Amino acid sequence: MMIVPVSAPQSPTPVAMLMPQADQVWINYVNTWIALKQKGGFFDELGRKWKLSN
């Protein structure tokens, strides 16, 4: 493992995941997981851990 030093943080890039349009059950599952993680502060905690700014 190697840490690459940088002079300043990069701009955050949105992450995307392709999902089949016909699989509404999977889409609902992923959307619910994201909503629960947002409500619980999971993404905010990750942002603090990795020193990301919104």
PDB file of N, CA and C in Angstrom:
ATOM      1  N   MET A   1       0.850  -1.168   0.000  1.00  0.00           N
ATOM      2  CA  MET A   1       0.000   0.000   0.000  1.00  0.00           C
ATOM      3  C   MET A   1       0.898   1.234   0.000  1.00  0.00           C
ATOM      4  N   MET A   2       0.436   2.269  -0.680  1.00  0.00           N
ATOM      5  CA  MET A   2       1.232   3.483  -0.786  1.00  0.00           C
ATOM      6  C   MET A   2       0.326   4.705  -0.698  1.00  0.00           C
ATOM      7  N   ILE A   3       0.749   5.707   0.030  1.00  0.00           N
ATOM      8  CA  ILE A   3       0.001   6.958   0.117  1.00  0.00           C
ATOM      9  C   ILE A   3       0.661   7.957  -0.812  1.00  0.00           C
ATOM     10  N   VAL A   4      -0.139   8.555  -1.674  1.00  0.00           N
ATOM     11  CA  VAL A   4       0.374   9.549  -2.607  1.00  0.00           C
ATOM     12  C   VAL A   4       0.000  10.925  -2.073  1.00  0.00           C
ATOM     13  N   PRO A   5       0.994  11.726  -1.682  1.00  0.00           N
ATOM     14  CA  PRO A   5       0.678  13.052  -1.157  1.00  0.00           C
ATOM     15  C   PRO A   5       0.190  13.998  -2.264  1.00  0.00           C
ATOM     16  N   VAL A   6      -0.758  14.841  -1.919  1.00  0.00           N
ATOM     17  CA  VAL A   6      -1.271  15.849  -2.854  1.00  0.00           C
ATOM     18  C   VAL A   6      -1.237  17.204  -2.161  1.00  0.00           C
ATOM     19  N   SER A   7      -1.103  18.269  -2.946  1.00  0.00           N
ATOM     20  CA  SER A   7      -1.008  19.602  -2.355  1.00  0.00           C
ATOM     21  C   SER A   7      -2.359  20.141  -1.892  1.00  0.00           C
ATOM     22  N   ALA A   8      -3.423  19.744  -2.579  1.00  0.00           N
ATOM     23  CA  ALA A   8      -4.766  20.213  -2.222  1.00  0.00           C
ATOM     24  C   ALA A   8      -5.779  19.139  -2.594  1.00  0.00           C
ATOM     25  N   PRO A   9      -6.909  19.101  -1.886  1.00  0.00           N
ATOM     26  CA  PRO A   9      -7.915  18.096  -2.218  1.00  0.00           C
ATOM     27  C   PRO A   9      -8.485  18.327  -3.622  1.00  0.00           C
ATOM     28  N   GLN A  10      -8.816  17.245  -4.271  1.00  0.00           N
ATOM     29  CA  GLN A  10      -9.449  17.302  -5.587  1.00  0.00           C
ATOM     30  C   GLN A  10     -10.933  17.609  -5.414  1.00  0.00           C
ATOM     31  N   SER A  11     -11.550  18.077  -6.473  1.00  0.00           N
ATOM     32  CA  SER A  11     -13.006  18.273  -6.432  1.00  0.00           C
ATOM     33  C   SER A  11     -13.670  16.910  -6.369  1.00  0.00           C
ATOM     34  N   PRO A  12     -14.673  16.778  -5.513  1.00  0.00           N
ATOM     35  CA  PRO A  12     -15.354  15.489  -5.451  1.00  0.00           C
ATOM     36  C   PRO A  12     -16.058  15.181  -6.771  1.00  0.00           C
ATOM     37  N   THR A  13     -15.999  13.946  -7.152  1.00  0.00           N
ATOM     38  CA  THR A  13     -16.642  13.494  -8.375  1.00  0.00           C
ATOM     39  C   THR A  13     -17.809  12.595  -8.003  1.00  0.00           C
ATOM     40  N   PRO A  14     -18.989  12.849  -8.544  1.00  0.00           N
ATOM     41  CA  PRO A  14     -20.108  11.951  -8.247  1.00  0.00           C
ATOM     42  C   PRO A  14     -19.805  10.527  -8.707  1.00  0.00           C
ATOM     43  N   VAL A  15     -20.314   9.589  -7.961  1.00  0.00           N
ATOM     44  CA  VAL A  15     -20.142   8.182  -8.296  1.00  0.00           C
ATOM     45  C   VAL A  15     -21.471   7.665  -8.827  1.00  0.00           C
ATOM     46  N   ALA A  16     -21.410   6.854  -9.848  1.00  0.00           N
ATOM     47  CA  ALA A  16     -22.638   6.313 -10.435  1.00  0.00           C
ATOM     48  C   ALA A  16     -22.555   4.798 -10.488  1.00  0.00           C
ATOM     49  N   MET A  17     -23.708   4.171 -10.443  1.00  0.00           N
ATOM     50  CA  MET A  17     -23.790   2.722 -10.569  1.00  0.00           C
ATOM     51  C   MET A  17     -24.903   2.415 -11.557  1.00  0.00           C
ATOM     52  N   LEU A  18     -24.557   1.726 -12.611  1.00  0.00           N
ATOM     53  CA  LEU A  18     -25.572   1.343 -13.592  1.00  0.00           C
ATOM     54  C   LEU A  18     -26.393   0.181 -13.048  1.00  0.00           C
ATOM     55  N   MET A  19     -27.698   0.290 -13.229  1.00  0.00           N
ATOM     56  CA  MET A  19     -28.591  -0.773 -12.782  1.00  0.00           C
ATOM     57  C   MET A  19     -29.593  -1.050 -13.898  1.00  0.00           C
ATOM     58  N   PRO A  20     -30.011  -2.295 -14.018  1.00  0.00           N
ATOM     59  CA  PRO A  20     -30.990  -2.609 -15.065  1.00  0.00           C
ATOM     60  C   PRO A  20     -32.330  -1.931 -14.778  1.00  0.00           C
ATOM     61  N   GLN A  21     -32.882  -1.262 -15.765  1.00  0.00           N
ATOM     62  CA  GLN A  21     -34.159  -0.561 -15.591  1.00  0.00           C
ATOM     63  C   GLN A  21     -35.288  -1.509 -15.213  1.00  0.00           C
ATOM     64  N   ALA A  22     -35.222  -2.730 -15.684  1.00  0.00           N
ATOM     65  CA  ALA A  22     -36.314  -3.674 -15.452  1.00  0.00           C
ATOM     66  C   ALA A  22     -36.311  -4.264 -14.040  1.00  0.00           C
ATOM     67  N   ASP A  23     -35.239  -4.062 -13.279  1.00  0.00           N
ATOM     68  CA  ASP A  23     -35.138  -4.666 -11.950  1.00  0.00           C
ATOM     69  C   ASP A  23     -35.513  -3.645 -10.876  1.00  0.00           C
ATOM     70  N   GLN A  24     -36.790  -3.346 -10.759  1.00  0.00           N
ATOM     71  CA  GLN A  24     -37.259  -2.331  -9.815  1.00  0.00           C
ATOM     72  C   GLN A  24     -36.996  -2.718  -8.368  1.00  0.00           C
ATOM     73  N   VAL A  25     -36.993  -4.011  -8.069  1.00  0.00           N
ATOM     74  CA  VAL A  25     -36.713  -4.461  -6.699  1.00  0.00           C
ATOM     75  C   VAL A  25     -35.290  -4.051  -6.304  1.00  0.00           C
ATOM     76  N   TRP A  26     -34.326  -4.279  -7.173  1.00  0.00           N
ATOM     77  CA  TRP A  26     -32.938  -3.918  -6.893  1.00  0.00           C
ATOM     78  C   TRP A  26     -32.785  -2.394  -6.791  1.00  0.00           C
ATOM     79  N   ILE A  27     -33.423  -1.663  -7.690  1.00  0.00           N
ATOM     80  CA  ILE A  27     -33.374  -0.198  -7.665  1.00  0.00           C
ATOM     81  C   ILE A  27     -33.927   0.321  -6.336  1.00  0.00           C
ATOM     82  N   ASN A  28     -35.057  -0.216  -5.904  1.00  0.00           N
ATOM     83  CA  ASN A  28     -35.653   0.192  -4.622  1.00  0.00           C
ATOM     84  C   ASN A  28     -34.727  -0.123  -3.454  1.00  0.00           C
ATOM     85  N   TYR A  29     -34.095  -1.298  -3.492  1.00  0.00           N
ATOM     86  CA  TYR A  29     -33.172  -1.698  -2.435  1.00  0.00           C
ATOM     87  C   TYR A  29     -32.010  -0.712  -2.334  1.00  0.00           C
ATOM     88  N   VAL A  30     -31.393  -0.408  -3.458  1.00  0.00           N
ATOM     89  CA  VAL A  30     -30.244   0.501  -3.464  1.00  0.00           C
ATOM     90  C   VAL A  30     -30.662   1.900  -3.006  1.00  0.00           C
ATOM     91  N   ASN A  31     -31.790   2.391  -3.505  1.00  0.00           N
ATOM     92  CA  ASN A  31     -32.264   3.713  -3.095  1.00  0.00           C
ATOM     93  C   ASN A  31     -32.551   3.770  -1.596  1.00  0.00           C
ATOM     94  N   THR A  32     -33.138   2.717  -1.054  1.00  0.00           N
ATOM     95  CA  THR A  32     -33.429   2.659   0.377  1.00  0.00           C
ATOM     96  C   THR A  32     -32.147   2.613   1.185  1.00  0.00           C
ATOM     97  N   TRP A  33     -31.167   1.828   0.726  1.00  0.00           N
ATOM     98  CA  TRP A  33     -29.878   1.745   1.413  1.00  0.00           C
ATOM     99  C   TRP A  33     -29.218   3.120   1.468  1.00  0.00           C
ATOM    100  N   ILE A  34     -29.219   3.831   0.352  1.00  0.00           N
ATOM    101  CA  ILE A  34     -28.622   5.169   0.299  1.00  0.00           C
ATOM    102  C   ILE A  34     -29.350   6.116   1.248  1.00  0.00           C
ATOM    103  N   ALA A  35     -30.670   6.097   1.233  1.00  0.00           N
ATOM    104  CA  ALA A  35     -31.456   6.980   2.108  1.00  0.00           C
ATOM    105  C   ALA A  35     -31.173   6.691   3.582  1.00  0.00           C
ATOM    106  N   LEU A  36     -31.096   5.433   3.946  1.00  0.00           N
ATOM    107  CA  LEU A  36     -30.811   5.070   5.337  1.00  0.00           C
ATOM    108  C   LEU A  36     -29.411   5.506   5.750  1.00  0.00           C
ATOM    109  N   LYS A  37     -28.444   5.317   4.865  1.00  0.00           N
ATOM    110  CA  LYS A  37     -27.068   5.727   5.166  1.00  0.00           C
ATOM    111  C   LYS A  37     -26.965   7.246   5.295  1.00  0.00           C
ATOM    112  N   GLN A  38     -27.669   7.981   4.442  1.00  0.00           N
ATOM    113  CA  GLN A  38     -27.669   9.437   4.541  1.00  0.00           C
ATOM    114  C   GLN A  38     -28.272   9.884   5.865  1.00  0.00           C
ATOM    115  N   LYS A  39     -29.417   9.302   6.220  1.00  0.00           N
ATOM    116  CA  LYS A  39     -30.104   9.671   7.459  1.00  0.00           C
ATOM    117  C   LYS A  39     -29.252   9.363   8.687  1.00  0.00           C
ATOM    118  N   GLY A  40     -28.506   8.271   8.633  1.00  0.00           N
ATOM    119  CA  GLY A  40     -27.663   7.879   9.758  1.00  0.00           C
ATOM    120  C   GLY A  40     -26.326   8.601   9.822  1.00  0.00           C
ATOM    121  N   GLY A  41     -26.018   9.445   8.836  1.00  0.00           N
ATOM    122  CA  GLY A  41     -24.776  10.200   8.865  1.00  0.00           C
ATOM    123  C   GLY A  41     -23.559   9.464   8.330  1.00  0.00           C
ATOM    124  N   PHE A  42     -23.778   8.334   7.699  1.00  0.00           N
ATOM    125  CA  PHE A  42     -22.673   7.517   7.181  1.00  0.00           C
ATOM    126  C   PHE A  42     -21.793   8.300   6.210  1.00  0.00           C
ATOM    127  N   PHE A  43     -22.412   9.003   5.262  1.00  0.00           N
ATOM    128  CA  PHE A  43     -21.644   9.716   4.245  1.00  0.00           C
ATOM    129  C   PHE A  43     -20.947  10.938   4.830  1.00  0.00           C
ATOM    130  N   ASP A  44     -21.577  11.602   5.795  1.00  0.00           N
ATOM    131  CA  ASP A  44     -20.939  12.728   6.475  1.00  0.00           C
ATOM    132  C   ASP A  44     -19.698  12.262   7.238  1.00  0.00           C
ATOM    133  N   GLU A  45     -19.827  11.106   7.886  1.00  0.00           N
ATOM    134  CA  GLU A  45     -18.702  10.541   8.633  1.00  0.00           C
ATOM    135  C   GLU A  45     -17.544  10.197   7.700  1.00  0.00           C
ATOM    136  N   LEU A  46     -17.861   9.607   6.561  1.00  0.00           N
ATOM    137  CA  LEU A  46     -16.812   9.311   5.574  1.00  0.00           C
ATOM    138  C   LEU A  46     -16.149  10.590   5.072  1.00  0.00           C
ATOM    139  N   GLY A  47     -16.954  11.618   4.853  1.00  0.00           N
ATOM    140  CA  GLY A  47     -16.404  12.888   4.401  1.00  0.00           C
ATOM    141  C   GLY A  47     -15.429  13.479   5.407  1.00  0.00           C
ATOM    142  N   ARG A  48     -15.774  13.392   6.680  1.00  0.00           N
ATOM    143  CA  ARG A  48     -14.861  13.883   7.724  1.00  0.00           C
ATOM    144  C   ARG A  48     -13.604  13.030   7.783  1.00  0.00           C
ATOM    145  N   LYS A  49     -13.780  11.710   7.697  1.00  0.00           N
ATOM    146  CA  LYS A  49     -12.637  10.798   7.769  1.00  0.00           C
ATOM    147  C   LYS A  49     -11.629  11.078   6.663  1.00  0.00           C
ATOM    148  N   TRP A  50     -12.115  11.297   5.461  1.00  0.00           N
ATOM    149  CA  TRP A  50     -11.243  11.490   4.292  1.00  0.00           C
ATOM    150  C   TRP A  50     -11.028  12.961   3.968  1.00  0.00           C
ATOM    151  N   LYS A  51     -11.477  13.847   4.874  1.00  0.00           N
ATOM    152  CA  LYS A  51     -11.281  15.295   4.732  1.00  0.00           C
ATOM    153  C   LYS A  51     -11.805  15.821   3.386  1.00  0.00           C
ATOM    154  N   LEU A  52     -13.036  15.426   3.077  1.00  0.00           N
ATOM    155  CA  LEU A  52     -13.697  15.884   1.864  1.00  0.00           C
ATOM    156  C   LEU A  52     -14.606  17.045   2.210  1.00  0.00           C
ATOM    157  N   SER A  53     -14.768  17.967   1.306  1.00  0.00           N
ATOM    158  CA  SER A  53     -15.685  19.082   1.532  1.00  0.00           C
ATOM    159  C   SER A  53     -16.805  19.014   0.530  1.00  0.00           C
ATOM    160  N   ASN A  54     -17.993  19.451   0.937  1.00  0.00           N
ATOM    161  CA  ASN A  54     -19.149  19.405   0.036  1.00  0.00           C
ATOM    162  C   ASN A  54     -19.332  20.728  -0.639  1.00  0.00           C
TER     163      ASN A  54
END
